[in-house]
Amino acid sequence: MNTQSASASEVVHIGVDICADWLDIHGIPRKKKAFRLANTTAGHRKLVAMLPSGVHVILEATAATNRPSRWPCCAQARP
């Protein structure tokens, strides 16, 4: 788990475009370019592990990919 912390003036915004097979992710501080993870439980876990504390994640999803049951990692509390 990442232990980075963001103060109110350093809020990080991450964008995730969700489709049936992929997560296209932009804004991870250590990544210079957008990248893609599989839209699977393993991909969700990888994404959550990369997120700094206090991050704001903006999700863009269409069709069934926007259902909360498809995103169990979103229910995990982050300090």
PDB file of N, CA and C in Angstrom:
ATOM      1  N   MET A   1       0.841  -1.177   0.000  1.00  0.00           N
ATOM      2  CA  MET A   1       0.000   0.000   0.000  1.00  0.00           C
ATOM      3  C   MET A   1       0.884   1.236   0.000  1.00  0.00           C
ATOM      4  N   ASN A   2       0.486   2.237  -0.720  1.00  0.00           N
ATOM      5  CA  ASN A   2       1.223   3.475  -0.804  1.00  0.00           C
ATOM      6  C   ASN A   2       0.934   4.313   0.435  1.00  0.00           C
ATOM      7  N   THR A   3       1.965   4.874   1.046  1.00  0.00           N
ATOM      8  CA  THR A   3       1.771   5.659   2.263  1.00  0.00           C
ATOM      9  C   THR A   3       1.915   7.152   2.021  1.00  0.00           C
ATOM     10  N   GLN A   4       1.950   7.592   0.765  1.00  0.00           N
ATOM     11  CA  GLN A   4       2.032   9.020   0.485  1.00  0.00           C
ATOM     12  C   GLN A   4       0.793   9.708   1.019  1.00  0.00           C
ATOM     13  N   SER A   5       0.946  10.954   1.397  1.00  0.00           N
ATOM     14  CA  SER A   5      -0.177  11.726   1.892  1.00  0.00           C
ATOM     15  C   SER A   5      -0.227  13.048   1.150  1.00  0.00           C
ATOM     16  N   ALA A   6      -1.427  13.538   0.885  1.00  0.00           N
ATOM     17  CA  ALA A   6      -1.588  14.805   0.190  1.00  0.00           C
ATOM     18  C   ALA A   6      -2.250  15.808   1.122  1.00  0.00           C
ATOM     19  N   SER A   7      -1.648  17.000   1.235  1.00  0.00           N
ATOM     20  CA  SER A   7      -2.295  18.053   2.019  1.00  0.00           C
ATOM     21  C   SER A   7      -3.422  18.641   1.189  1.00  0.00           C
ATOM     22  N   ALA A   8      -4.224  19.486   1.797  1.00  0.00           N
ATOM     23  CA  ALA A   8      -5.365  20.081   1.093  1.00  0.00           C
ATOM     24  C   ALA A   8      -4.917  20.833  -0.154  1.00  0.00           C
ATOM     25  N   SER A   9      -3.722  21.418  -0.126  1.00  0.00           N
ATOM     26  CA  SER A   9      -3.238  22.162  -1.286  1.00  0.00           C
ATOM     27  C   SER A   9      -2.603  21.257  -2.336  1.00  0.00           C
ATOM     28  N   GLU A  10      -2.419  19.983  -2.018  1.00  0.00           N
ATOM     29  CA  GLU A  10      -1.771  19.038  -2.929  1.00  0.00           C
ATOM     30  C   GLU A  10      -2.689  17.897  -3.326  1.00  0.00           C
ATOM     31  N   VAL A  11      -3.979  18.140  -3.441  1.00  0.00           N
ATOM     32  CA  VAL A  11      -4.913  17.076  -3.788  1.00  0.00           C
ATOM     33  C   VAL A  11      -4.573  16.543  -5.180  1.00  0.00           C
ATOM     34  N   VAL A  12      -4.515  15.237  -5.292  1.00  0.00           N
ATOM     35  CA  VAL A  12      -4.217  14.578  -6.555  1.00  0.00           C
ATOM     36  C   VAL A  12      -5.528  14.076  -7.149  1.00  0.00           C
ATOM     37  N   HIS A  13      -5.732  14.346  -8.431  1.00  0.00           N
ATOM     38  CA  HIS A  13      -6.908  13.853  -9.146  1.00  0.00           C
ATOM     39  C   HIS A  13      -6.452  12.808 -10.154  1.00  0.00           C
ATOM     40  N   ILE A  14      -7.074  11.648 -10.110  1.00  0.00           N
ATOM     41  CA  ILE A  14      -6.780  10.550 -11.031  1.00  0.00           C
ATOM     42  C   ILE A  14      -8.028  10.332 -11.884  1.00  0.00           C
ATOM     43  N   GLY A  15      -7.849  10.203 -13.178  1.00  0.00           N
ATOM     44  CA  GLY A  15      -8.957   9.910 -14.076  1.00  0.00           C
ATOM     45  C   GLY A  15      -8.907   8.465 -14.526  1.00  0.00           C
ATOM     46  N   VAL A  16     -10.045   7.783 -14.477  1.00  0.00           N
ATOM     47  CA  VAL A  16     -10.122   6.392 -14.917  1.00  0.00           C
ATOM     48  C   VAL A  16     -11.293   6.252 -15.882  1.00  0.00           C
ATOM     49  N   ASP A  17     -10.976   5.895 -17.112  1.00  0.00           N
ATOM     50  CA  ASP A  17     -11.996   5.607 -18.124  1.00  0.00           C
ATOM     51  C   ASP A  17     -12.204   4.099 -18.098  1.00  0.00           C
ATOM     52  N   ILE A  18     -13.416   3.678 -17.810  1.00  0.00           N
ATOM     53  CA  ILE A  18     -13.714   2.265 -17.606  1.00  0.00           C
ATOM     54  C   ILE A  18     -14.466   1.707 -18.804  1.00  0.00           C
ATOM     55  N   CYS A  19     -13.978   0.602 -19.325  1.00  0.00           N
ATOM     56  CA  CYS A  19     -14.744  -0.136 -20.330  1.00  0.00           C
ATOM     57  C   CYS A  19     -14.818  -1.587 -19.857  1.00  0.00           C
ATOM     58  N   ALA A  20     -15.458  -2.427 -20.612  1.00  0.00           N
ATOM     59  CA  ALA A  20     -15.666  -3.812 -20.180  1.00  0.00           C
ATOM     60  C   ALA A  20     -14.353  -4.545 -19.895  1.00  0.00           C
ATOM     61  N   ASP A  21     -13.326  -4.281 -20.687  1.00  0.00           N
ATOM     62  CA  ASP A  21     -12.081  -5.037 -20.561  1.00  0.00           C
ATOM     63  C   ASP A  21     -10.918  -4.281 -19.932  1.00  0.00           C
ATOM     64  N   TRP A  22     -10.956  -2.934 -19.985  1.00  0.00           N
ATOM     65  CA  TRP A  22      -9.792  -2.143 -19.604  1.00  0.00           C
ATOM     66  C   TRP A  22     -10.142  -0.991 -18.687  1.00  0.00           C
ATOM     67  N   LEU A  23      -9.127  -0.539 -17.958  1.00  0.00           N
ATOM     68  CA  LEU A  23      -9.149   0.710 -17.207  1.00  0.00           C
ATOM     69  C   LEU A  23      -8.049   1.571 -17.809  1.00  0.00           C
ATOM     70  N   ASP A  24      -8.402   2.686 -18.398  1.00  0.00           N
ATOM     71  CA  ASP A  24      -7.403   3.625 -18.901  1.00  0.00           C
ATOM     72  C   ASP A  24      -7.225   4.688 -17.827  1.00  0.00           C
ATOM     73  N   ILE A  25      -6.000   4.818 -17.306  1.00  0.00           N
ATOM     74  CA  ILE A  25      -5.731   5.611 -16.108  1.00  0.00           C
ATOM     75  C   ILE A  25      -4.761   6.740 -16.433  1.00  0.00           C
ATOM     76  N   HIS A  26      -5.076   7.933 -15.924  1.00  0.00           N
ATOM     77  CA  HIS A  26      -4.218   9.087 -16.123  1.00  0.00           C
ATOM     78  C   HIS A  26      -4.120   9.873 -14.817  1.00  0.00           C
ATOM     79  N   GLY A  27      -2.919  10.317 -14.493  1.00  0.00           N
ATOM     80  CA  GLY A  27      -2.739  11.195 -13.344  1.00  0.00           C
ATOM     81  C   GLY A  27      -2.030  10.587 -12.157  1.00  0.00           C
ATOM     82  N   ILE A  28      -1.607   9.340 -12.239  1.00  0.00           N
ATOM     83  CA  ILE A  28      -0.835   8.748 -11.145  1.00  0.00           C
ATOM     84  C   ILE A  28       0.484   9.524 -11.063  1.00  0.00           C
ATOM     85  N   PRO A  29       0.804  10.085  -9.906  1.00  0.00           N
ATOM     86  CA  PRO A  29       1.967  10.966  -9.806  1.00  0.00           C
ATOM     87  C   PRO A  29       3.293  10.385 -10.321  1.00  0.00           C
ATOM     88  N   ARG A  30       3.541   9.113 -10.128  1.00  0.00           N
ATOM     89  CA  ARG A  30       4.820   8.524 -10.562  1.00  0.00           C
ATOM     90  C   ARG A  30       4.830   8.109 -12.024  1.00  0.00           C
ATOM     91  N   LYS A  31       3.699   8.166 -12.689  1.00  0.00           N
ATOM     92  CA  LYS A  31       3.600   7.761 -14.091  1.00  0.00           C
ATOM     93  C   LYS A  31       3.570   9.013 -14.959  1.00  0.00           C
ATOM     94  N   LYS A  32       4.394   9.044 -15.973  1.00  0.00           N
ATOM     95  CA  LYS A  32       4.439  10.215 -16.843  1.00  0.00           C
ATOM     96  C   LYS A  32       3.355  10.190 -17.914  1.00  0.00           C
ATOM     97  N   LYS A  33       2.871   9.006 -18.247  1.00  0.00           N
ATOM     98  CA  LYS A  33       1.868   8.871 -19.294  1.00  0.00           C
ATOM     99  C   LYS A  33       0.677   8.070 -18.778  1.00  0.00           C
ATOM    100  N   ALA A  34      -0.420   8.192 -19.487  1.00  0.00           N
ATOM    101  CA  ALA A  34      -1.577   7.353 -19.182  1.00  0.00           C
ATOM    102  C   ALA A  34      -1.194   5.895 -19.418  1.00  0.00           C
ATOM    103  N   PHE A  35      -1.874   5.003 -18.728  1.00  0.00           N
ATOM    104  CA  PHE A  35      -1.581   3.582 -18.899  1.00  0.00           C
ATOM    105  C   PHE A  35      -2.867   2.800 -18.732  1.00  0.00           C
ATOM    106  N   ARG A  36      -2.793   1.516 -18.983  1.00  0.00           N
ATOM    107  CA  ARG A  36      -3.972   0.659 -19.008  1.00  0.00           C
ATOM    108  C   ARG A  36      -3.761  -0.542 -18.095  1.00  0.00           C
ATOM    109  N   LEU A  37      -4.820  -0.876 -17.362  1.00  0.00           N
ATOM    110  CA  LEU A  37      -4.865  -2.103 -16.568  1.00  0.00           C
ATOM    111  C   LEU A  37      -6.097  -2.889 -16.995  1.00  0.00           C
ATOM    112  N   ALA A  38      -6.058  -4.179 -16.767  1.00  0.00           N
ATOM    113  CA  ALA A  38      -7.224  -5.010 -17.057  1.00  0.00           C
ATOM    114  C   ALA A  38      -8.344  -4.664 -16.086  1.00  0.00           C
ATOM    115  N   ASN A  39      -9.581  -4.686 -16.567  1.00  0.00           N
ATOM    116  CA  ASN A  39     -10.743  -4.447 -15.714  1.00  0.00           C
ATOM    117  C   ASN A  39     -11.128  -5.772 -15.052  1.00  0.00           C
ATOM    118  N   THR A  40     -10.284  -6.174 -14.128  1.00  0.00           N
ATOM    119  CA  THR A  40     -10.455  -7.415 -13.374  1.00  0.00           C
ATOM    120  C   THR A  40     -10.179  -7.105 -11.906  1.00  0.00           C
ATOM    121  N   THR A  41     -10.435  -8.057 -11.048  1.00  0.00           N
ATOM    122  CA  THR A  41     -10.119  -7.868  -9.635  1.00  0.00           C
ATOM    123  C   THR A  41      -8.638  -7.577  -9.453  1.00  0.00           C
ATOM    124  N   ALA A  42      -7.786  -8.279 -10.176  1.00  0.00           N
ATOM    125  CA  ALA A  42      -6.340  -8.041 -10.073  1.00  0.00           C
ATOM    126  C   ALA A  42      -5.991  -6.626 -10.542  1.00  0.00           C
ATOM    127  N   GLY A  43      -6.597  -6.167 -11.623  1.00  0.00           N
ATOM    128  CA  GLY A  43      -6.357  -4.809 -12.104  1.00  0.00           C
ATOM    129  C   GLY A  43      -6.829  -3.767 -11.108  1.00  0.00           C
ATOM    130  N   HIS A  44      -7.983  -4.000 -10.477  1.00  0.00           N
ATOM    131  CA  HIS A  44      -8.510  -3.077  -9.464  1.00  0.00           C
ATOM    132  C   HIS A  44      -7.542  -2.994  -8.294  1.00  0.00           C
ATOM    133  N   ARG A  45      -7.021  -4.142  -7.864  1.00  0.00           N
ATOM    134  CA  ARG A  45      -6.077  -4.161  -6.737  1.00  0.00           C
ATOM    135  C   ARG A  45      -4.805  -3.401  -7.077  1.00  0.00           C
ATOM    136  N   LYS A  46      -4.304  -3.571  -8.299  1.00  0.00           N
ATOM    137  CA  LYS A  46      -3.100  -2.836  -8.718  1.00  0.00           C
ATOM    138  C   LYS A  46      -3.355  -1.337  -8.673  1.00  0.00           C
ATOM    139  N   LEU A  47      -4.510  -0.915  -9.168  1.00  0.00           N
ATOM    140  CA  LEU A  47      -4.831   0.509  -9.170  1.00  0.00           C
ATOM    141  C   LEU A  47      -4.914   1.047  -7.747  1.00  0.00           C
ATOM    142  N   VAL A  48      -5.634   0.364  -6.867  1.00  0.00           N
ATOM    143  CA  VAL A  48      -5.776   0.821  -5.480  1.00  0.00           C
ATOM    144  C   VAL A  48      -4.410   0.922  -4.809  1.00  0.00           C
ATOM    145  N   ALA A  49      -3.507  -0.023  -5.080  1.00  0.00           N
ATOM    146  CA  ALA A  49      -2.171   0.000  -4.479  1.00  0.00           C
ATOM    147  C   ALA A  49      -1.358   1.206  -4.938  1.00  0.00           C
ATOM    148  N   MET A  50      -1.646   1.752  -6.105  1.00  0.00           N
ATOM    149  CA  MET A  50      -0.909   2.906  -6.640  1.00  0.00           C
ATOM    150  C   MET A  50      -1.424   4.240  -6.111  1.00  0.00           C
ATOM    151  N   LEU A  51      -2.617   4.266  -5.542  1.00  0.00           N
ATOM    152  CA  LEU A  51      -3.250   5.527  -5.180  1.00  0.00           C
ATOM    153  C   LEU A  51      -2.657   6.121  -3.906  1.00  0.00           C
ATOM    154  N   PRO A  52      -2.280   7.399  -3.948  1.00  0.00           N
ATOM    155  CA  PRO A  52      -1.836   8.052  -2.713  1.00  0.00           C
ATOM    156  C   PRO A  52      -3.031   8.345  -1.814  1.00  0.00           C
ATOM    157  N   SER A  53      -2.797   8.504  -0.538  1.00  0.00           N
ATOM    158  CA  SER A  53      -3.864   8.853   0.401  1.00  0.00           C
ATOM    159  C   SER A  53      -4.457  10.200   0.018  1.00  0.00           C
ATOM    160  N   GLY A  54      -5.754  10.334   0.202  1.00  0.00           N
ATOM    161  CA  GLY A  54      -6.419  11.595  -0.072  1.00  0.00           C
ATOM    162  C   GLY A  54      -6.696  11.861  -1.539  1.00  0.00           C
ATOM    163  N   VAL A  55      -6.450  10.893  -2.392  1.00  0.00           N
ATOM    164  CA  VAL A  55      -6.646  11.077  -3.831  1.00  0.00           C
ATOM    165  C   VAL A  55      -8.129  11.221  -4.161  1.00  0.00           C
ATOM    166  N   HIS A  56      -8.417  11.979  -5.192  1.00  0.00           N
ATOM    167  CA  HIS A  56      -9.765  12.066  -5.744  1.00  0.00           C
ATOM    168  C   HIS A  56      -9.743  11.319  -7.066  1.00  0.00           C
ATOM    169  N   VAL A  57     -10.567  10.292  -7.187  1.00  0.00           N
ATOM    170  CA  VAL A  57     -10.611   9.482  -8.400  1.00  0.00           C
ATOM    171  C   VAL A  57     -11.888   9.809  -9.154  1.00  0.00           C
ATOM    172  N   ILE A  58     -11.725  10.191 -10.404  1.00  0.00           N
ATOM    173  CA  ILE A  58     -12.863  10.513 -11.258  1.00  0.00           C
ATOM    174  C   ILE A  58     -13.046   9.347 -12.215  1.00  0.00           C
ATOM    175  N   LEU A  59     -14.218   8.708 -12.148  1.00  0.00           N
ATOM    176  CA  LEU A  59     -14.509   7.546 -12.984  1.00  0.00           C
ATOM    177  C   LEU A  59     -15.442   7.939 -14.119  1.00  0.00           C
ATOM    178  N   GLU A  60     -15.105   7.484 -15.308  1.00  0.00           N
ATOM    179  CA  GLU A  60     -16.013   7.630 -16.448  1.00  0.00           C
ATOM    180  C   GLU A  60     -16.338   6.220 -16.907  1.00  0.00           C
ATOM    181  N   ALA A  61     -17.607   5.877 -16.832  1.00  0.00           N
ATOM    182  CA  ALA A  61     -18.012   4.520 -17.185  1.00  0.00           C
ATOM    183  C   ALA A  61     -19.292   4.556 -17.998  1.00  0.00           C
ATOM    184  N   THR A  62     -19.464   3.554 -18.816  1.00  0.00           N
ATOM    185  CA  THR A  62     -20.683   3.430 -19.596  1.00  0.00           C
ATOM    186  C   THR A  62     -21.259   2.034 -19.394  1.00  0.00           C
ATOM    187  N   ALA A  63     -22.532   1.891 -19.680  1.00  0.00           N
ATOM    188  CA  ALA A  63     -23.226   0.597 -19.623  1.00  0.00           C
ATOM    189  C   ALA A  63     -23.069  -0.050 -18.250  1.00  0.00           C
ATOM    190  N   ALA A  64     -22.891  -1.349 -18.212  1.00  0.00           N
ATOM    191  CA  ALA A  64     -22.848  -2.096 -16.947  1.00  0.00           C
ATOM    192  C   ALA A  64     -21.579  -1.830 -16.150  1.00  0.00           C
ATOM    193  N   THR A  65     -20.550  -1.238 -16.754  1.00  0.00           N
ATOM    194  CA  THR A  65     -19.297  -1.011 -16.028  1.00  0.00           C
ATOM    195  C   THR A  65     -19.430   0.056 -14.964  1.00  0.00           C
ATOM    196  N   ASN A  66     -20.550   0.787 -14.933  1.00  0.00           N
ATOM    197  CA  ASN A  66     -20.701   1.818 -13.909  1.00  0.00           C
ATOM    198  C   ASN A  66     -21.427   1.318 -12.669  1.00  0.00           C
ATOM    199  N   ARG A  67     -21.740   0.062 -12.596  1.00  0.00           N
ATOM    200  CA  ARG A  67     -22.434  -0.490 -11.428  1.00  0.00           C
ATOM    201  C   ARG A  67     -21.456  -0.715 -10.284  1.00  0.00           C
ATOM    202  N   PRO A  68     -21.821  -0.303  -9.061  1.00  0.00           N
ATOM    203  CA  PRO A  68     -20.908  -0.471  -7.920  1.00  0.00           C
ATOM    204  C   PRO A  68     -20.480  -1.912  -7.692  1.00  0.00           C
ATOM    205  N   SER A  69     -21.321  -2.877  -7.997  1.00  0.00           N
ATOM    206  CA  SER A  69     -20.951  -4.276  -7.777  1.00  0.00           C
ATOM    207  C   SER A  69     -19.775  -4.687  -8.651  1.00  0.00           C
ATOM    208  N   ARG A  70     -19.548  -3.968  -9.720  1.00  0.00           N
ATOM    209  CA  ARG A  70     -18.434  -4.249 -10.622  1.00  0.00           C
ATOM    210  C   ARG A  70     -17.124  -3.687 -10.069  1.00  0.00           C
ATOM    211  N   TRP A  71     -17.228  -2.784  -9.073  1.00  0.00           N
ATOM    212  CA  TRP A  71     -16.067  -2.092  -8.516  1.00  0.00           C
ATOM    213  C   TRP A  71     -15.965  -2.293  -7.007  1.00  0.00           C
ATOM    214  N   PRO A  72     -15.710  -3.512  -6.542  1.00  0.00           N
ATOM    215  CA  PRO A  72     -15.642  -3.728  -5.093  1.00  0.00           C
ATOM    216  C   PRO A  72     -14.536  -2.922  -4.422  1.00  0.00           C
ATOM    217  N   CYS A  73     -13.492  -2.573  -5.149  1.00  0.00           N
ATOM    218  CA  CYS A  73     -12.392  -1.811  -4.533  1.00  0.00           C
ATOM    219  C   CYS A  73     -12.849  -0.412  -4.131  1.00  0.00           C
ATOM    220  N   CYS A  74     -13.898   0.123  -4.741  1.00  0.00           N
ATOM    221  CA  CYS A  74     -14.372   1.463  -4.393  1.00  0.00           C
ATOM    222  C   CYS A  74     -14.966   1.502  -2.998  1.00  0.00           C
ATOM    223  N   ALA A  75     -15.347   0.373  -2.481  1.00  0.00           N
ATOM    224  CA  ALA A  75     -15.940   0.325  -1.148  1.00  0.00           C
ATOM    225  C   ALA A  75     -14.871   0.333  -0.055  1.00  0.00           C
ATOM    226  N   GLN A  76     -13.611   0.120  -0.430  1.00  0.00           N
ATOM    227  CA  GLN A  76     -12.541   0.105   0.552  1.00  0.00           C
ATOM    228  C   GLN A  76     -12.269   1.522   1.038  1.00  0.00           C
ATOM    229  N   ALA A  77     -12.245   1.707   2.332  1.00  0.00           N
ATOM    230  CA  ALA A  77     -11.947   3.020   2.898  1.00  0.00           C
ATOM    231  C   ALA A  77     -10.470   3.313   2.766  1.00  0.00           C
ATOM    232  N   ARG A  78     -10.165   4.507   2.338  1.00  0.00           N
ATOM    233  CA  ARG A  78      -8.777   4.949   2.250  1.00  0.00           C
ATOM    234  C   ARG A  78      -8.583   6.118   3.217  1.00  0.00           C
ATOM    235  N   PRO A  79      -7.543   6.076   4.042  1.00  0.00           N
ATOM    236  CA  PRO A  79      -7.317   7.200   4.978  1.00  0.00           C
ATOM    237  C   PRO A  79      -6.971   8.472   4.256  1.00  0.00           C
TER     238      PRO A  79
END
